[in-house]
C-alpha cells in the first residue's frame, strides 16, 4: 500500500468507525421500534441506486444484498448514509465494479478476498474492515470458502442520486 493510500485509509478510519457506531444504533432501533426498513417506505429512493445487471463468473454463485437503512445526513441534506448486508454464499464472486460513494465495509461472518485497483489482493476475516474511496475500482470480491457462507455490512456515504453499485 502506498503512503498516500495508507494516509487516506487512516484518515477515513475514525469517520468510518463513527458512522458504523451511529448506524449500528440506528439499525438496532429500526428493528426494535418499527418493521425492518423497506425500499417502498423510502419512496423507492434506492430502487435504482443498485444496478441490477450483475455479471457473474461462470459457474460461481453471486452475492445478494439487503438494504437495512438509509437516512439523510444532518450536516448535508444532499448526502445520505445507506447500509446494506451483503451475503456471499460459498464460493460467491462479485466481478469488477465501482461505487459512487465512500464505502466502509465490516466483515460480519466468514472470509472475504478483495482487490481494489492499484493494490494487491487482501483477505479479511470476521471483525476486520476496509475502506473504499468514492470512485475507486473494485476489481473483485469473493467468498474465500467453497463451503461456508460469508457476510459483510457495507456502509455508503453518498450524494442523492448516486449509483451505489456499478458493474463494469
Protein backbone atom coordinates (compact mmCIF):
# COMPACT_ATOMS: atom_id res chain seq x y z
CA UNK A 1 0.00 0.00 0.00
CA UNK A 2 1.38 3.39 -0.90
CA UNK A 3 1.96 6.06 1.72
CA UNK A 4 -0.78 8.23 0.19
CA UNK A 5 -3.27 5.35 0.21
CA UNK A 6 -2.30 4.45 3.77
CA UNK A 7 -2.78 8.08 4.81
CA UNK A 8 -6.23 8.24 3.22
CA UNK A 9 -7.20 4.97 4.87
CA UNK A 10 -6.01 6.08 8.32
CA UNK A 11 -7.83 9.43 7.92
CA UNK A 12 -11.03 7.64 6.96
CA UNK A 13 -10.99 5.14 9.82
CA UNK A 14 -12.22 7.47 12.61
CA UNK A 15 -15.06 8.73 10.38
CA UNK A 16 -15.96 5.21 9.25
CA UNK A 17 -15.93 3.89 12.83
CA UNK A 18 -18.16 6.75 14.00
CA UNK A 19 -20.52 6.10 11.07
CA UNK A 20 -20.63 2.38 11.87
CA UNK A 21 -21.37 3.03 15.55
CA UNK A 22 -24.13 5.51 14.73
CA UNK A 23 -25.55 3.19 12.10
CA UNK A 24 -25.48 0.17 14.41
CA UNK A 25 -27.65 2.02 16.93
CA UNK A 26 -29.99 3.24 14.17
CA UNK A 27 -30.35 -0.23 12.68
CA UNK A 28 -30.97 -1.78 16.10
CA UNK A 29 -33.68 0.80 16.82
CA UNK A 30 -35.23 0.14 13.42
CA UNK A 31 -35.77 -3.49 14.31
CA UNK A 32 -36.89 -2.76 17.88
CA UNK A 33 -39.27 0.13 17.19
CA UNK A 34 -40.69 -0.48 13.71
CA UNK A 35 -40.70 -3.10 10.97
CA UNK A 36 -37.46 -3.57 9.00
CA UNK A 37 -36.53 -0.88 6.51
CA UNK A 38 -38.41 -1.06 3.26
CA UNK A 39 -37.49 0.44 -0.08
CA UNK A 40 -41.16 1.30 -0.53
CA UNK A 41 -41.15 3.24 2.74
CA UNK A 42 -38.32 5.37 1.41
CA UNK A 43 -40.33 6.37 -1.65
CA UNK A 44 -38.42 3.96 -3.86
CA UNK A 45 -35.34 6.16 -3.38
CA UNK A 46 -32.93 3.24 -3.54
CA UNK A 47 -34.61 1.11 -6.21
CA UNK A 48 -32.36 2.49 -8.95
CA UNK A 49 -29.17 3.01 -6.98
CA UNK A 50 -28.11 -0.63 -7.16
CA UNK A 51 -27.55 -1.61 -10.76
CA UNK A 52 -29.19 -4.99 -11.16
CA UNK A 53 -27.21 -6.01 -14.22
CA UNK A 54 -24.69 -8.19 -12.44
CA UNK A 55 -22.43 -10.40 -14.47
CA UNK A 56 -21.42 -13.48 -12.55
CA UNK A 57 -18.34 -15.54 -13.12
CA UNK A 58 -19.31 -18.72 -14.97
CA UNK A 59 -20.25 -21.47 -12.52
CA UNK A 60 -19.98 -19.28 -9.41
CA UNK A 61 -22.82 -18.01 -7.27
CA UNK A 62 -23.38 -14.26 -6.87
CA UNK A 63 -23.90 -12.14 -3.79
CA UNK A 64 -27.26 -10.85 -2.58
CA UNK A 65 -27.84 -7.51 -0.90
CA UNK A 66 -30.39 -6.35 1.66
CA UNK A 67 -30.73 -2.63 2.37
CA UNK A 68 -31.10 -2.23 6.14
CA UNK A 69 -31.23 1.56 6.38
CA UNK A 70 -30.86 4.85 4.58
CA UNK A 71 -31.06 8.29 6.14
CA UNK A 72 -30.11 11.81 5.06
CA UNK A 73 -27.06 13.28 6.76
CA UNK A 74 -27.91 16.08 9.17
CA UNK A 75 -24.83 18.08 8.15
CA UNK A 76 -25.56 17.86 4.41
CA UNK A 77 -29.11 17.33 3.17
CA UNK A 78 -27.76 16.37 -0.28
CA UNK A 79 -26.00 13.30 1.14
CA UNK A 80 -27.17 10.05 2.71
CA UNK A 81 -25.79 7.18 4.74
CA UNK A 82 -27.04 3.86 3.44
CA UNK A 83 -26.23 0.46 4.86
CA UNK A 84 -26.73 -2.97 3.42
CA UNK A 85 -25.90 -6.50 4.36
CA UNK A 86 -24.21 -8.43 1.55
CA UNK A 87 -24.46 -12.22 1.71
CA UNK A 88 -21.77 -14.27 -0.02
CA UNK A 89 -22.84 -17.91 -0.48
CA UNK A 90 -19.95 -20.41 -0.51
CA UNK A 91 -17.62 -19.66 -3.46
CA UNK A 92 -19.59 -16.47 -4.37
CA UNK A 93 -17.90 -13.93 -6.61
CA UNK A 94 -18.58 -10.28 -7.41
CA UNK A 95 -16.90 -9.02 -10.59
CA UNK A 96 -15.26 -5.65 -11.27
CA UNK A 97 -17.34 -2.67 -10.21
CA UNK A 98 -17.22 0.73 -8.54
CA UNK A 99 -19.35 2.75 -6.15
CA UNK A 100 -20.38 6.40 -6.49
CA UNK A 101 -19.87 6.66 -2.73
CA UNK A 102 -17.32 6.36 0.02
CA UNK A 103 -17.70 2.86 1.38
CA UNK A 104 -16.81 1.33 4.73
CA UNK A 105 -17.03 -2.47 4.87
CA UNK A 106 -17.15 -4.57 8.05
CA UNK A 107 -16.90 -8.38 7.76
CA UNK A 108 -19.66 -9.93 9.85
CA UNK A 109 -19.02 -13.60 9.04
CA UNK A 110 -16.54 -15.71 7.11
CA UNK A 111 -13.58 -14.66 4.99
CA UNK A 112 -13.65 -12.24 2.06
CA UNK A 113 -10.91 -11.81 -0.54
CA UNK A 114 -10.93 -8.46 -2.28
CA UNK A 115 -8.83 -6.31 -4.57
CA UNK A 116 -9.02 -2.60 -5.29
CA UNK A 117 -7.38 -1.19 -8.41
CA UNK A 118 -3.69 -0.49 -7.87
CA UNK A 119 -3.49 -2.66 -4.76
CA UNK A 120 -2.78 -6.29 -4.01
CA UNK A 121 -5.33 -8.95 -3.13
CA UNK A 122 -6.38 -8.62 0.51
CA UNK A 123 -8.07 -11.15 2.79
CA UNK A 124 -10.45 -10.01 5.54
CA UNK A 125 -12.00 -12.17 8.25
CA UNK A 126 -14.91 -11.60 10.64
CA UNK A 127 -14.28 -8.49 12.73
CA UNK A 128 -12.00 -6.79 10.19
CA UNK A 129 -12.88 -3.83 7.99
CA UNK A 130 -11.70 -1.84 5.00
CA UNK A 131 -12.45 1.42 3.20
CA UNK A 132 -13.07 2.15 -0.49
CA UNK A 133 -12.85 5.79 -1.58
CA UNK A 134 -15.57 7.15 -3.88
CA UNK A 135 -14.94 6.11 -7.48
CA UNK A 136 -12.19 3.57 -6.83
CA UNK A 137 -12.35 0.43 -8.95
CA UNK A 138 -13.07 -2.74 -7.02
CA UNK A 139 -11.57 -5.46 -9.23
CA UNK A 140 -13.35 -8.29 -7.41
CA UNK A 141 -14.70 -9.53 -4.11
CA UNK A 142 -15.26 -13.17 -3.27
CA UNK A 143 -16.01 -15.60 -0.50
CA UNK A 144 -12.70 -17.35 0.18
CA UNK A 145 -14.52 -20.51 1.27
CA UNK A 146 -16.13 -23.05 -1.05
CA UNK A 147 -18.14 -24.49 1.86
CA UNK A 148 -19.01 -21.71 4.35
CA UNK A 149 -21.04 -18.52 3.75
CA UNK A 150 -19.65 -15.04 4.39
CA UNK A 151 -21.43 -11.77 5.16
CA UNK A 152 -20.45 -8.09 5.24
CA UNK A 153 -22.03 -4.83 6.36
CA UNK A 154 -21.50 -2.17 3.69
CA UNK A 155 -21.96 1.45 4.80
CA UNK A 156 -22.14 4.00 1.98
CA UNK A 157 -21.85 7.79 2.32
CA UNK A 158 -23.23 9.17 -0.94
CA UNK A 159 -24.94 12.08 -2.63
CA UNK A 160 -28.61 11.79 -3.57
CA UNK A 161 -28.91 10.05 -6.92
CA UNK A 162 -25.58 8.23 -6.71
CA UNK A 163 -25.36 4.71 -8.05
CA UNK A 164 -24.17 2.54 -5.18
CA UNK A 165 -23.04 -0.41 -7.29
CA UNK A 166 -21.97 -0.12 -10.92
CA UNK A 167 -20.68 -3.23 -12.67
CA UNK A 168 -18.14 -2.81 -15.48
